Amino acid sequence: MTQSDIELIQLRPVPRPGRWASAAIVAVLAAMAINSLITNPNFQWPVVWQWLFSRTIMIGVAFTLILTVGAMAIGTILAITMAVMRQSPNPILRAVAWFYIWFFRGTPIYTQLIFWSLLPTLYPRLSLGIPFGPEFVQFATADYFTPFWMAIVGLSLNEGAYLSEIIRSGLNSVDKGQWEAATALGMGRSKILRRIVLPQAMRVIIPPLGNETISMLKTTSLVAAIPFILELTWAAKDKGQQLFAPVPLLLDAAIWYLVITSILMVGQMYLERYFGRGFTSDTPKTTNQTKRTLSKRQQAVLSAGTVQADPFLDVTP
């Protein structure tokens, strides 16, 4: 039998009419939604573009970013501390960390912010000194604990409780044998965490940490409970009521939230790629129909030419 006598099977993609029909329906519905947004005069798009970069909105954007960055920075420090305390052999440290997480995860953030706004009423004066002994410094709470700091403290303490569980799960994802090997080399717990455990745990921590950051960006709108009036949602709502045009100003706030969220998502993608080095291949495999990131083993199989260029393609003879 010669090579010319061999009849090769011509493979064709499996027809999927249901997939094309559903795609067409979704496309029509999306086009109708976009058309209603553009053509509906009640949205007042000229007013939206007029106030999009106004001073009021930009100040709101700036304070929203400050609240987000400050709350996430302090919350991350608290979370790392609580995660380490949860794994400490000291029962007192474990109990304190457990109580902190239990309390701040068990109560709504809105309720917590209301209580922080009432702190000057609950504690009109605060002091620093020896417990049950002399006081060295005493000051009025309202003079230093402004609505801005109430918002930062309230958001940070709440976020720290949620992030601590994320970081703890990341720490637990690292094989215990690496702890034992590092301990056998004479490394202390702090050095093991900094140089061995945390760099590997970041691959697991970054995705939920990015989600929490995006969630915190929108959670800042709840500081109206204090109230903190320079935040984006409050500023847009207040200016909209003054102009008797609440919808356009709220659309301005929504646009800025979407822009900032998009930037954060891109940053999260690059962080995941950075900390995921060594676990997945970053070499893209491009074909005429698809582009995927495959492992080195899959790329070796494809380069041998024994399988289809796209191993995930359903075909029929």
C-alpha atoms as a PDB file:
ATOM      1  CA  MET A   1       0.000   0.000   0.000  1.00  0.00           C
ATOM      2  CA  THR A   2       1.440   3.293  -1.047  1.00  0.00           C
ATOM      3  CA  GLN A   3       0.937   6.642   0.601  1.00  0.00           C
ATOM      4  CA  SER A   4      -1.361   7.718  -2.244  1.00  0.00           C
ATOM      5  CA  ASP A   5      -3.754   4.856  -1.388  1.00  0.00           C
ATOM      6  CA  ILE A   6      -4.324   6.152   2.128  1.00  0.00           C
ATOM      7  CA  GLU A   7      -7.532   8.166   2.430  1.00  0.00           C
ATOM      8  CA  LEU A   8      -7.251  10.893   5.007  1.00  0.00           C
ATOM      9  CA  ILE A   9     -10.287  11.808   7.067  1.00  0.00           C
ATOM     10  CA  GLN A  10     -11.354  15.416   6.587  1.00  0.00           C
ATOM     11  CA  LEU A  11     -12.347  16.760   9.967  1.00  0.00           C
ATOM     12  CA  ARG A  12     -14.934  19.487  10.275  1.00  0.00           C
ATOM     13  CA  PRO A  13     -16.019  21.426  13.354  1.00  0.00           C
ATOM     14  CA  VAL A  14     -19.176  20.079  14.954  1.00  0.00           C
ATOM     15  CA  PRO A  15     -22.103  22.317  13.942  1.00  0.00           C
ATOM     16  CA  ARG A  16     -23.686  24.081  16.882  1.00  0.00           C
ATOM     17  CA  PRO A  17     -26.784  25.994  15.718  1.00  0.00           C
ATOM     18  CA  GLY A  18     -28.021  26.479  19.268  1.00  0.00           C
ATOM     19  CA  ARG A  19     -24.849  28.342  20.182  1.00  0.00           C
ATOM     20  CA  TRP A  20     -25.211  30.715  17.218  1.00  0.00           C
ATOM     21  CA  ALA A  21     -28.906  31.257  17.931  1.00  0.00           C
ATOM     22  CA  SER A  22     -28.250  32.102  21.585  1.00  0.00           C
ATOM     23  CA  ALA A  23     -25.423  34.438  20.561  1.00  0.00           C
ATOM     24  CA  ALA A  24     -27.750  36.223  18.138  1.00  0.00           C
ATOM     25  CA  ILE A  25     -30.428  36.647  20.812  1.00  0.00           C
ATOM     26  CA  VAL A  26     -27.912  38.032  23.304  1.00  0.00           C
ATOM     27  CA  ALA A  27     -26.523  40.406  20.655  1.00  0.00           C
ATOM     28  CA  VAL A  28     -30.009  41.736  19.873  1.00  0.00           C
ATOM     29  CA  LEU A  29     -30.822  42.268  23.548  1.00  0.00           C
ATOM     30  CA  ALA A  30     -27.493  44.027  24.112  1.00  0.00           C
ATOM     31  CA  ALA A  31     -28.091  46.289  21.120  1.00  0.00           C
ATOM     32  CA  MET A  32     -31.559  47.164  22.430  1.00  0.00           C
ATOM     33  CA  ALA A  33     -30.137  48.006  25.874  1.00  0.00           C
ATOM     34  CA  ILE A  34     -27.408  50.217  24.396  1.00  0.00           C
ATOM     35  CA  ASN A  35     -29.911  51.952  22.133  1.00  0.00           C
ATOM     36  CA  SER A  36     -32.222  52.682  25.079  1.00  0.00           C
ATOM     37  CA  LEU A  37     -29.318  54.171  27.058  1.00  0.00           C
ATOM     38  CA  ILE A  38     -28.252  56.437  24.216  1.00  0.00           C
ATOM     39  CA  THR A  39     -31.640  57.586  22.953  1.00  0.00           C
ATOM     40  CA  ASN A  40     -33.507  58.012  26.260  1.00  0.00           C
ATOM     41  CA  PRO A  41     -33.575  61.780  26.960  1.00  0.00           C
ATOM     42  CA  ASN A  42     -34.216  61.214  30.675  1.00  0.00           C
ATOM     43  CA  PHE A  43     -30.571  60.260  31.187  1.00  0.00           C
ATOM     44  CA  GLN A  44     -29.585  63.839  30.171  1.00  0.00           C
ATOM     45  CA  TRP A  45     -26.256  62.879  28.629  1.00  0.00           C
ATOM     46  CA  PRO A  46     -25.217  66.505  27.929  1.00  0.00           C
ATOM     47  CA  VAL A  47     -25.396  67.175  31.677  1.00  0.00           C
ATOM     48  CA  VAL A  48     -23.413  63.991  32.326  1.00  0.00           C
ATOM     49  CA  TRP A  49     -20.505  65.119  30.108  1.00  0.00           C
ATOM     50  CA  GLN A  50     -20.700  68.638  31.503  1.00  0.00           C
ATOM     51  CA  TRP A  51     -20.144  67.513  35.105  1.00  0.00           C
ATOM     52  CA  LEU A  52     -17.942  64.458  34.518  1.00  0.00           C
ATOM     53  CA  PHE A  53     -14.703  66.372  35.204  1.00  0.00           C
ATOM     54  CA  SER A  54     -16.168  69.011  37.490  1.00  0.00           C
ATOM     55  CA  ARG A  55     -14.392  69.987  40.698  1.00  0.00           C
ATOM     56  CA  THR A  56     -17.071  68.378  42.875  1.00  0.00           C
ATOM     57  CA  ILE A  57     -16.813  65.016  41.128  1.00  0.00           C
ATOM     58  CA  MET A  58     -13.009  65.029  40.973  1.00  0.00           C
ATOM     59  CA  ILE A  59     -12.744  65.784  44.707  1.00  0.00           C
ATOM     60  CA  GLY A  60     -15.100  62.868  45.310  1.00  0.00           C
ATOM     61  CA  VAL A  61     -12.931  60.613  43.139  1.00  0.00           C
ATOM     62  CA  ALA A  62      -9.795  61.695  45.014  1.00  0.00           C
ATOM     63  CA  PHE A  63     -11.261  61.015  48.464  1.00  0.00           C
ATOM     64  CA  THR A  64     -12.717  57.699  47.309  1.00  0.00           C
ATOM     65  CA  LEU A  65      -9.258  56.611  46.187  1.00  0.00           C
ATOM     66  CA  ILE A  66      -7.704  57.835  49.437  1.00  0.00           C
ATOM     67  CA  LEU A  67     -10.247  55.900  51.484  1.00  0.00           C
ATOM     68  CA  THR A  68      -9.723  52.783  49.372  1.00  0.00           C
ATOM     69  CA  VAL A  69      -5.930  52.858  49.511  1.00  0.00           C
ATOM     70  CA  GLY A  70      -5.822  53.748  53.212  1.00  0.00           C
ATOM     71  CA  ALA A  71      -8.361  51.119  54.239  1.00  0.00           C
ATOM     72  CA  MET A  72      -6.700  48.385  52.161  1.00  0.00           C
ATOM     73  CA  ALA A  73      -3.199  49.253  53.405  1.00  0.00           C
ATOM     74  CA  ILE A  74      -4.175  49.250  57.090  1.00  0.00           C
ATOM     75  CA  GLY A  75      -6.500  46.286  56.583  1.00  0.00           C
ATOM     76  CA  THR A  76      -3.740  44.255  54.932  1.00  0.00           C
ATOM     77  CA  ILE A  77      -1.356  44.932  57.815  1.00  0.00           C
ATOM     78  CA  LEU A  78      -4.055  43.894  60.299  1.00  0.00           C
ATOM     79  CA  ALA A  79      -4.888  40.835  58.210  1.00  0.00           C
ATOM     80  CA  ILE A  80      -1.294  39.601  58.068  1.00  0.00           C
ATOM     81  CA  THR A  81      -0.975  40.130  61.818  1.00  0.00           C
ATOM     82  CA  MET A  82      -4.204  38.271  62.566  1.00  0.00           C
ATOM     83  CA  ALA A  83      -3.386  35.438  60.154  1.00  0.00           C
ATOM     84  CA  VAL A  84      -0.024  34.918  61.829  1.00  0.00           C
ATOM     85  CA  MET A  85      -1.657  35.112  65.278  1.00  0.00           C
ATOM     86  CA  ARG A  86      -4.218  32.487  64.236  1.00  0.00           C
ATOM     87  CA  GLN A  87      -1.334  30.109  63.510  1.00  0.00           C
ATOM     88  CA  SER A  88       0.637  31.024  66.609  1.00  0.00           C
ATOM     89  CA  PRO A  89       1.252  28.308  69.239  1.00  0.00           C
ATOM     90  CA  ASN A  90       0.275  30.888  71.884  1.00  0.00           C
ATOM     91  CA  PRO A  91      -3.397  30.281  72.832  1.00  0.00           C
ATOM     92  CA  ILE A  92      -3.924  33.907  73.924  1.00  0.00           C
ATOM     93  CA  LEU A  93      -2.842  35.250  70.527  1.00  0.00           C
ATOM     94  CA  ARG A  94      -5.057  32.719  68.758  1.00  0.00           C
ATOM     95  CA  ALA A  95      -8.037  33.665  70.937  1.00  0.00           C
ATOM     96  CA  VAL A  96      -7.590  37.414  70.329  1.00  0.00           C
ATOM     97  CA  ALA A  97      -7.308  36.894  66.571  1.00  0.00           C
ATOM     98  CA  TRP A  98     -10.362  34.635  66.538  1.00  0.00           C
ATOM     99  CA  PHE A  99     -12.451  37.151  68.516  1.00  0.00           C
ATOM    100  CA  TYR A 100     -11.428  40.020  66.226  1.00  0.00           C
ATOM    101  CA  ILE A 101     -12.370  38.074  63.093  1.00  0.00           C
ATOM    102  CA  TRP A 102     -15.589  36.804  64.652  1.00  0.00           C
ATOM    103  CA  PHE A 103     -16.761  40.270  65.732  1.00  0.00           C
ATOM    104  CA  PHE A 104     -15.976  42.276  62.595  1.00  0.00           C
ATOM    105  CA  ARG A 105     -17.180  39.583  60.206  1.00  0.00           C
ATOM    106  CA  GLY A 106     -20.326  39.030  62.242  1.00  0.00           C
ATOM    107  CA  THR A 107     -21.612  42.618  62.198  1.00  0.00           C
ATOM    108  CA  PRO A 108     -22.563  44.699  59.123  1.00  0.00           C
ATOM    109  CA  ILE A 109     -20.080  47.334  57.978  1.00  0.00           C
ATOM    110  CA  TYR A 110     -22.845  49.958  57.941  1.00  0.00           C
ATOM    111  CA  THR A 111     -23.585  49.293  61.618  1.00  0.00           C
ATOM    112  CA  GLN A 112     -19.898  49.464  62.480  1.00  0.00           C
ATOM    113  CA  LEU A 113     -19.526  52.837  60.750  1.00  0.00           C
ATOM    114  CA  ILE A 114     -22.492  54.217  62.696  1.00  0.00           C
ATOM    115  CA  PHE A 115     -20.853  53.164  65.960  1.00  0.00           C
ATOM    116  CA  TRP A 116     -17.564  54.794  64.914  1.00  0.00           C
ATOM    117  CA  SER A 117     -19.465  58.004  64.210  1.00  0.00           C
ATOM    118  CA  LEU A 118     -20.808  57.839  67.781  1.00  0.00           C
ATOM    119  CA  LEU A 119     -17.366  57.400  69.350  1.00  0.00           C
ATOM    120  CA  PRO A 120     -17.101  61.084  70.455  1.00  0.00           C
ATOM    121  CA  THR A 121     -20.425  60.586  72.233  1.00  0.00           C
ATOM    122  CA  LEU A 122     -19.428  57.300  73.851  1.00  0.00           C
ATOM    123  CA  TYR A 123     -15.938  58.523  74.794  1.00  0.00           C
ATOM    124  CA  PRO A 124     -15.891  62.349  74.923  1.00  0.00           C
ATOM    125  CA  ARG A 125     -12.270  62.294  76.115  1.00  0.00           C
ATOM    126  CA  LEU A 126      -9.468  59.801  75.508  1.00  0.00           C
ATOM    127  CA  SER A 127      -6.207  59.476  77.395  1.00  0.00           C
ATOM    128  CA  LEU A 128      -2.886  57.686  77.238  1.00  0.00           C
ATOM    129  CA  GLY A 129      -1.190  56.407  80.347  1.00  0.00           C
ATOM    130  CA  ILE A 130      -0.672  53.414  82.616  1.00  0.00           C
ATOM    131  CA  PRO A 131      -3.780  51.212  82.998  1.00  0.00           C
ATOM    132  CA  PHE A 132      -5.409  51.900  86.360  1.00  0.00           C
ATOM    133  CA  GLY A 133      -2.632  54.453  86.944  1.00  0.00           C
ATOM    134  CA  PRO A 134      -1.694  58.014  86.017  1.00  0.00           C
ATOM    135  CA  GLU A 135      -2.650  59.531  82.655  1.00  0.00           C
ATOM    136  CA  PHE A 136       0.086  61.227  80.649  1.00  0.00           C
ATOM    137  CA  VAL A 137      -1.945  62.670  77.733  1.00  0.00           C
ATOM    138  CA  GLN A 138      -5.619  63.576  77.595  1.00  0.00           C
ATOM    139  CA  PHE A 139      -7.542  65.055  74.671  1.00  0.00           C
ATOM    140  CA  ALA A 140     -11.064  65.565  73.390  1.00  0.00           C
ATOM    141  CA  THR A 141     -12.087  62.807  70.985  1.00  0.00           C
ATOM    142  CA  ALA A 142     -13.961  65.116  68.606  1.00  0.00           C
ATOM    143  CA  ASP A 143     -10.863  67.295  68.098  1.00  0.00           C
ATOM    144  CA  TYR A 144      -8.808  64.511  66.532  1.00  0.00           C
ATOM    145  CA  PHE A 145     -11.249  61.794  65.524  1.00  0.00           C
ATOM    146  CA  THR A 146     -12.774  63.536  62.491  1.00  0.00           C
ATOM    147  CA  PRO A 147     -15.253  61.898  60.069  1.00  0.00           C
ATOM    148  CA  PHE A 148     -12.377  61.131  57.691  1.00  0.00           C
ATOM    149  CA  TRP A 149     -10.511  59.124  60.332  1.00  0.00           C
ATOM    150  CA  MET A 150     -13.743  57.486  61.456  1.00  0.00           C
ATOM    151  CA  ALA A 151     -14.214  56.251  57.889  1.00  0.00           C
ATOM    152  CA  ILE A 152     -10.606  55.034  57.580  1.00  0.00           C
ATOM    153  CA  VAL A 153     -10.665  53.195  60.914  1.00  0.00           C
ATOM    154  CA  GLY A 154     -14.092  51.660  60.341  1.00  0.00           C
ATOM    155  CA  LEU A 155     -13.299  50.422  56.833  1.00  0.00           C
ATOM    156  CA  SER A 156      -9.837  49.163  57.819  1.00  0.00           C
ATOM    157  CA  LEU A 157     -10.972  47.134  60.817  1.00  0.00           C
ATOM    158  CA  ASN A 158     -13.779  45.516  58.856  1.00  0.00           C
ATOM    159  CA  GLU A 159     -11.585  44.734  55.855  1.00  0.00           C
ATOM    160  CA  GLY A 160      -8.817  43.327  58.031  1.00  0.00           C
ATOM    161  CA  ALA A 161     -11.157  40.618  59.321  1.00  0.00           C
ATOM    162  CA  TYR A 162     -12.023  39.413  55.821  1.00  0.00           C
ATOM    163  CA  LEU A 163      -8.487  39.679  54.461  1.00  0.00           C
ATOM    164  CA  SER A 164      -7.082  37.716  57.396  1.00  0.00           C
ATOM    165  CA  GLU A 165      -8.983  34.617  56.284  1.00  0.00           C
ATOM    166  CA  ILE A 166      -7.779  35.101  52.709  1.00  0.00           C
ATOM    167  CA  ILE A 167      -4.174  35.428  53.837  1.00  0.00           C
ATOM    168  CA  ARG A 168      -4.514  32.473  56.216  1.00  0.00           C
ATOM    169  CA  SER A 169      -5.756  30.284  53.371  1.00  0.00           C
ATOM    170  CA  GLY A 170      -2.810  31.437  51.264  1.00  0.00           C
ATOM    171  CA  LEU A 171      -0.355  30.581  54.024  1.00  0.00           C
ATOM    172  CA  ASN A 172      -1.937  27.156  54.443  1.00  0.00           C
ATOM    173  CA  SER A 173      -1.583  26.500  50.705  1.00  0.00           C
ATOM    174  CA  VAL A 174       2.210  26.274  51.070  1.00  0.00           C
ATOM    175  CA  ASP A 175       3.366  22.739  51.774  1.00  0.00           C
ATOM    176  CA  LYS A 176       4.195  22.122  55.428  1.00  0.00           C
ATOM    177  CA  GLY A 177       7.372  20.363  54.365  1.00  0.00           C
ATOM    178  CA  GLN A 178       8.865  23.718  53.405  1.00  0.00           C
ATOM    179  CA  TRP A 179       8.295  24.964  56.957  1.00  0.00           C
ATOM    180  CA  GLU A 180      10.028  21.876  58.294  1.00  0.00           C
ATOM    181  CA  ALA A 181      12.941  22.162  55.859  1.00  0.00           C
ATOM    182  CA  ALA A 182      13.472  25.836  56.666  1.00  0.00           C
ATOM    183  CA  THR A 183      13.245  25.140  60.391  1.00  0.00           C
ATOM    184  CA  ALA A 184      15.835  22.394  59.994  1.00  0.00           C
ATOM    185  CA  LEU A 185      18.156  24.961  58.405  1.00  0.00           C
ATOM    186  CA  GLY A 186      17.846  27.106  61.529  1.00  0.00           C
ATOM    187  CA  MET A 187      15.558  29.832  60.103  1.00  0.00           C
ATOM    188  CA  GLY A 188      13.185  31.656  62.457  1.00  0.00           C
ATOM    189  CA  ARG A 189       9.423  31.871  61.954  1.00  0.00           C
ATOM    190  CA  SER A 190       9.535  35.488  60.760  1.00  0.00           C
ATOM    191  CA  LYS A 191      12.249  34.767  58.195  1.00  0.00           C
ATOM    192  CA  ILE A 192      10.399  31.683  56.963  1.00  0.00           C
ATOM    193  CA  LEU A 193       7.267  33.776  56.455  1.00  0.00           C
ATOM    194  CA  ARG A 194       9.086  36.582  54.631  1.00  0.00           C
ATOM    195  CA  ARG A 195      11.353  34.554  52.372  1.00  0.00           C
ATOM    196  CA  ILE A 196       9.642  31.225  51.782  1.00  0.00           C
ATOM    197  CA  VAL A 197       5.946  31.156  52.642  1.00  0.00           C
ATOM    198  CA  LEU A 198       4.619  34.594  51.654  1.00  0.00           C
ATOM    199  CA  PRO A 199       6.246  34.709  48.155  1.00  0.00           C
ATOM    200  CA  GLN A 200       4.528  31.412  47.312  1.00  0.00           C
ATOM    201  CA  ALA A 201       1.270  32.221  49.082  1.00  0.00           C
ATOM    202  CA  MET A 202       0.857  35.429  47.072  1.00  0.00           C
ATOM    203  CA  ARG A 203      -0.189  33.359  44.064  1.00  0.00           C
ATOM    204  CA  VAL A 204      -3.246  32.244  46.038  1.00  0.00           C
ATOM    205  CA  ILE A 205      -3.783  35.549  47.858  1.00  0.00           C
ATOM    206  CA  ILE A 206      -3.687  37.997  44.921  1.00  0.00           C
ATOM    207  CA  PRO A 207      -6.976  37.032  43.139  1.00  0.00           C
ATOM    208  CA  PRO A 208      -9.255  37.385  46.211  1.00  0.00           C
ATOM    209  CA  LEU A 209      -7.207  40.360  47.408  1.00  0.00           C
ATOM    210  CA  GLY A 210      -7.892  42.086  44.090  1.00  0.00           C
ATOM    211  CA  ASN A 211     -11.585  41.335  44.431  1.00  0.00           C
ATOM    212  CA  GLU A 212     -11.593  42.780  47.950  1.00  0.00           C
ATOM    213  CA  THR A 213      -9.861  45.940  46.699  1.00  0.00           C
ATOM    214  CA  ILE A 214     -12.498  46.436  44.019  1.00  0.00           C
ATOM    215  CA  SER A 215     -15.205  45.739  46.585  1.00  0.00           C
ATOM    216  CA  MET A 216     -13.640  48.266  48.979  1.00  0.00           C
ATOM    217  CA  LEU A 217     -13.740  50.912  46.238  1.00  0.00           C
ATOM    218  CA  LYS A 218     -17.521  50.596  46.197  1.00  0.00           C
ATOM    219  CA  THR A 219     -17.894  50.012  49.933  1.00  0.00           C
ATOM    220  CA  THR A 220     -16.546  53.524  50.530  1.00  0.00           C
ATOM    221  CA  SER A 221     -19.980  54.782  49.513  1.00  0.00           C
ATOM    222  CA  LEU A 222     -21.259  53.493  52.888  1.00  0.00           C
ATOM    223  CA  VAL A 223     -19.289  56.129  54.800  1.00  0.00           C
ATOM    224  CA  ALA A 224     -22.421  58.230  54.374  1.00  0.00           C
ATOM    225  CA  ALA A 225     -23.405  56.590  57.676  1.00  0.00           C
ATOM    226  CA  ILE A 226     -20.819  58.721  59.528  1.00  0.00           C
ATOM    227  CA  PRO A 227     -21.462  60.997  57.500  1.00  0.00           C
ATOM    228  CA  PHE A 228     -18.407  61.761  55.380  1.00  0.00           C
ATOM    229  CA  ILE A 229     -19.636  64.134  52.666  1.00  0.00           C
ATOM    230  CA  LEU A 230     -16.579  64.294  50.371  1.00  0.00           C
ATOM    231  CA  GLU A 231     -16.873  60.723  49.091  1.00  0.00           C
ATOM    232  CA  LEU A 232     -17.857  60.277  45.417  1.00  0.00           C
ATOM    233  CA  THR A 233     -21.376  58.880  45.807  1.00  0.00           C
ATOM    234  CA  TRP A 234     -22.368  61.417  48.452  1.00  0.00           C
ATOM    235  CA  ALA A 235     -20.875  64.318  46.463  1.00  0.00           C
ATOM    236  CA  ALA A 236     -22.648  63.246  43.266  1.00  0.00           C
ATOM    237  CA  LYS A 237     -25.977  62.748  45.022  1.00  0.00           C
ATOM    238  CA  ASP A 238     -25.742  66.085  46.840  1.00  0.00           C
ATOM    239  CA  LYS A 239     -24.821  68.027  43.695  1.00  0.00           C
ATOM    240  CA  GLY A 240     -27.553  66.246  41.733  1.00  0.00           C
ATOM    241  CA  GLN A 241     -30.163  67.304  44.277  1.00  0.00           C
ATOM    242  CA  GLN A 242     -28.954  70.891  44.077  1.00  0.00           C
ATOM    243  CA  LEU A 243     -29.228  70.866  40.279  1.00  0.00           C
ATOM    244  CA  PHE A 244     -32.520  68.901  40.300  1.00  0.00           C
ATOM    245  CA  ALA A 245     -30.710  66.383  38.081  1.00  0.00           C
ATOM    246  CA  PRO A 246     -29.823  63.391  40.274  1.00  0.00           C
ATOM    247  CA  VAL A 247     -29.570  60.844  37.450  1.00  0.00           C
ATOM    248  CA  PRO A 248     -26.798  62.560  35.408  1.00  0.00           C
ATOM    249  CA  LEU A 249     -24.616  63.132  38.475  1.00  0.00           C
ATOM    250  CA  LEU A 250     -25.045  59.542  39.640  1.00  0.00           C
ATOM    251  CA  LEU A 251     -24.096  58.430  36.135  1.00  0.00           C
ATOM    252  CA  ASP A 252     -20.905  60.473  36.508  1.00  0.00           C
ATOM    253  CA  ALA A 253     -20.128  58.583  39.707  1.00  0.00           C
ATOM    254  CA  ALA A 254     -20.884  55.251  38.009  1.00  0.00           C
ATOM    255  CA  ILE A 255     -18.581  56.090  35.094  1.00  0.00           C
ATOM    256  CA  TRP A 256     -15.699  56.910  37.440  1.00  0.00           C
ATOM    257  CA  TYR A 257     -16.296  53.725  39.438  1.00  0.00           C
ATOM    258  CA  LEU A 258     -16.133  51.727  36.204  1.00  0.00           C
ATOM    259  CA  VAL A 259     -12.941  53.468  35.077  1.00  0.00           C
ATOM    260  CA  ILE A 260     -11.144  52.897  38.385  1.00  0.00           C
ATOM    261  CA  THR A 261     -12.392  49.301  38.592  1.00  0.00           C
ATOM    262  CA  SER A 262     -11.080  48.616  35.085  1.00  0.00           C
ATOM    263  CA  ILE A 263      -7.642  49.948  36.027  1.00  0.00           C
ATOM    264  CA  LEU A 264      -7.612  47.808  39.176  1.00  0.00           C
ATOM    265  CA  MET A 265      -8.571  44.724  37.164  1.00  0.00           C
ATOM    266  CA  VAL A 266      -5.668  45.287  34.766  1.00  0.00           C
ATOM    267  CA  GLY A 267      -3.284  45.727  37.690  1.00  0.00           C
ATOM    268  CA  GLN A 268      -4.613  42.535  39.272  1.00  0.00           C
ATOM    269  CA  MET A 269      -4.008  40.654  36.026  1.00  0.00           C
ATOM    270  CA  TYR A 270      -0.348  41.697  35.919  1.00  0.00           C
ATOM    271  CA  LEU A 271       0.135  40.875  39.603  1.00  0.00           C
ATOM    272  CA  GLU A 272      -1.343  37.415  39.091  1.00  0.00           C
ATOM    273  CA  ARG A 273       0.962  36.868  36.132  1.00  0.00           C
ATOM    274  CA  TYR A 274       3.982  38.031  38.142  1.00  0.00           C
ATOM    275  CA  PHE A 275       3.378  35.876  41.212  1.00  0.00           C
ATOM    276  CA  GLY A 276       2.240  32.941  39.055  1.00  0.00           C
ATOM    277  CA  ARG A 277       5.634  32.578  37.394  1.00  0.00           C
ATOM    278  CA  GLY A 278       6.860  29.021  37.602  1.00  0.00           C
ATOM    279  CA  PHE A 279       3.368  27.578  38.054  1.00  0.00           C
ATOM    280  CA  THR A 280       1.958  28.242  34.581  1.00  0.00           C
ATOM    281  CA  SER A 281       3.536  28.930  31.226  1.00  0.00           C
ATOM    282  CA  ASP A 282       3.391  32.496  29.959  1.00  0.00           C
ATOM    283  CA  THR A 283       4.111  31.434  26.362  1.00  0.00           C
ATOM    284  CA  PRO A 284       0.955  31.943  24.291  1.00  0.00           C
ATOM    285  CA  LYS A 285       0.031  29.329  21.686  1.00  0.00           C
ATOM    286  CA  THR A 286      -1.616  30.937  18.703  1.00  0.00           C
ATOM    287  CA  THR A 287      -3.667  29.115  16.083  1.00  0.00           C
ATOM    288  CA  ASN A 288      -6.030  30.304  13.355  1.00  0.00           C
ATOM    289  CA  GLN A 289      -9.044  29.787  15.607  1.00  0.00           C
ATOM    290  CA  THR A 290      -7.890  30.366  19.173  1.00  0.00           C
ATOM    291  CA  LYS A 291      -5.102  31.657  21.381  1.00  0.00           C
ATOM    292  CA  ARG A 292      -4.486  30.024  24.702  1.00  0.00           C
ATOM    293  CA  THR A 293      -1.746  29.819  27.274  1.00  0.00           C
ATOM    294  CA  LEU A 294      -0.715  26.174  27.432  1.00  0.00           C
ATOM    295  CA  SER A 295       1.665  24.333  29.680  1.00  0.00           C
ATOM    296  CA  LYS A 296       5.082  23.295  28.353  1.00  0.00           C
ATOM    297  CA  ARG A 297       3.972  19.682  28.187  1.00  0.00           C
ATOM    298  CA  GLN A 298       0.950  20.581  26.063  1.00  0.00           C
ATOM    299  CA  GLN A 299       3.111  22.711  23.781  1.00  0.00           C
ATOM    300  CA  ALA A 300       5.526  19.791  23.317  1.00  0.00           C
ATOM    301  CA  VAL A 301       2.643  17.498  22.365  1.00  0.00           C
ATOM    302  CA  LEU A 302       1.298  20.048  19.869  1.00  0.00           C
ATOM    303  CA  SER A 303       4.725  20.656  18.328  1.00  0.00           C
ATOM    304  CA  ALA A 304       5.030  16.907  17.597  1.00  0.00           C
ATOM    305  CA  GLY A 305       2.130  17.228  15.143  1.00  0.00           C
ATOM    306  CA  THR A 306       0.317  14.125  16.400  1.00  0.00           C
ATOM    307  CA  VAL A 307      -2.821  15.946  17.504  1.00  0.00           C
ATOM    308  CA  GLN A 308      -4.935  18.833  16.288  1.00  0.00           C
ATOM    309  CA  ALA A 309      -3.495  22.323  16.622  1.00  0.00           C
ATOM    310  CA  ASP A 310      -6.352  23.105  18.975  1.00  0.00           C
ATOM    311  CA  PRO A 311      -6.783  20.138  21.361  1.00  0.00           C
ATOM    312  CA  PHE A 312     -10.063  21.602  22.678  1.00  0.00           C
ATOM    313  CA  LEU A 313     -11.778  21.724  19.276  1.00  0.00           C
ATOM    314  CA  ASP A 314     -14.700  19.328  18.794  1.00  0.00           C
ATOM    315  CA  VAL A 315     -14.614  17.814  15.311  1.00  0.00           C
ATOM    316  CA  THR A 316     -16.583  15.317  13.312  1.00  0.00           C
ATOM    317  CA  PRO A 317     -15.451  13.305  10.258  1.00  0.00           C
END
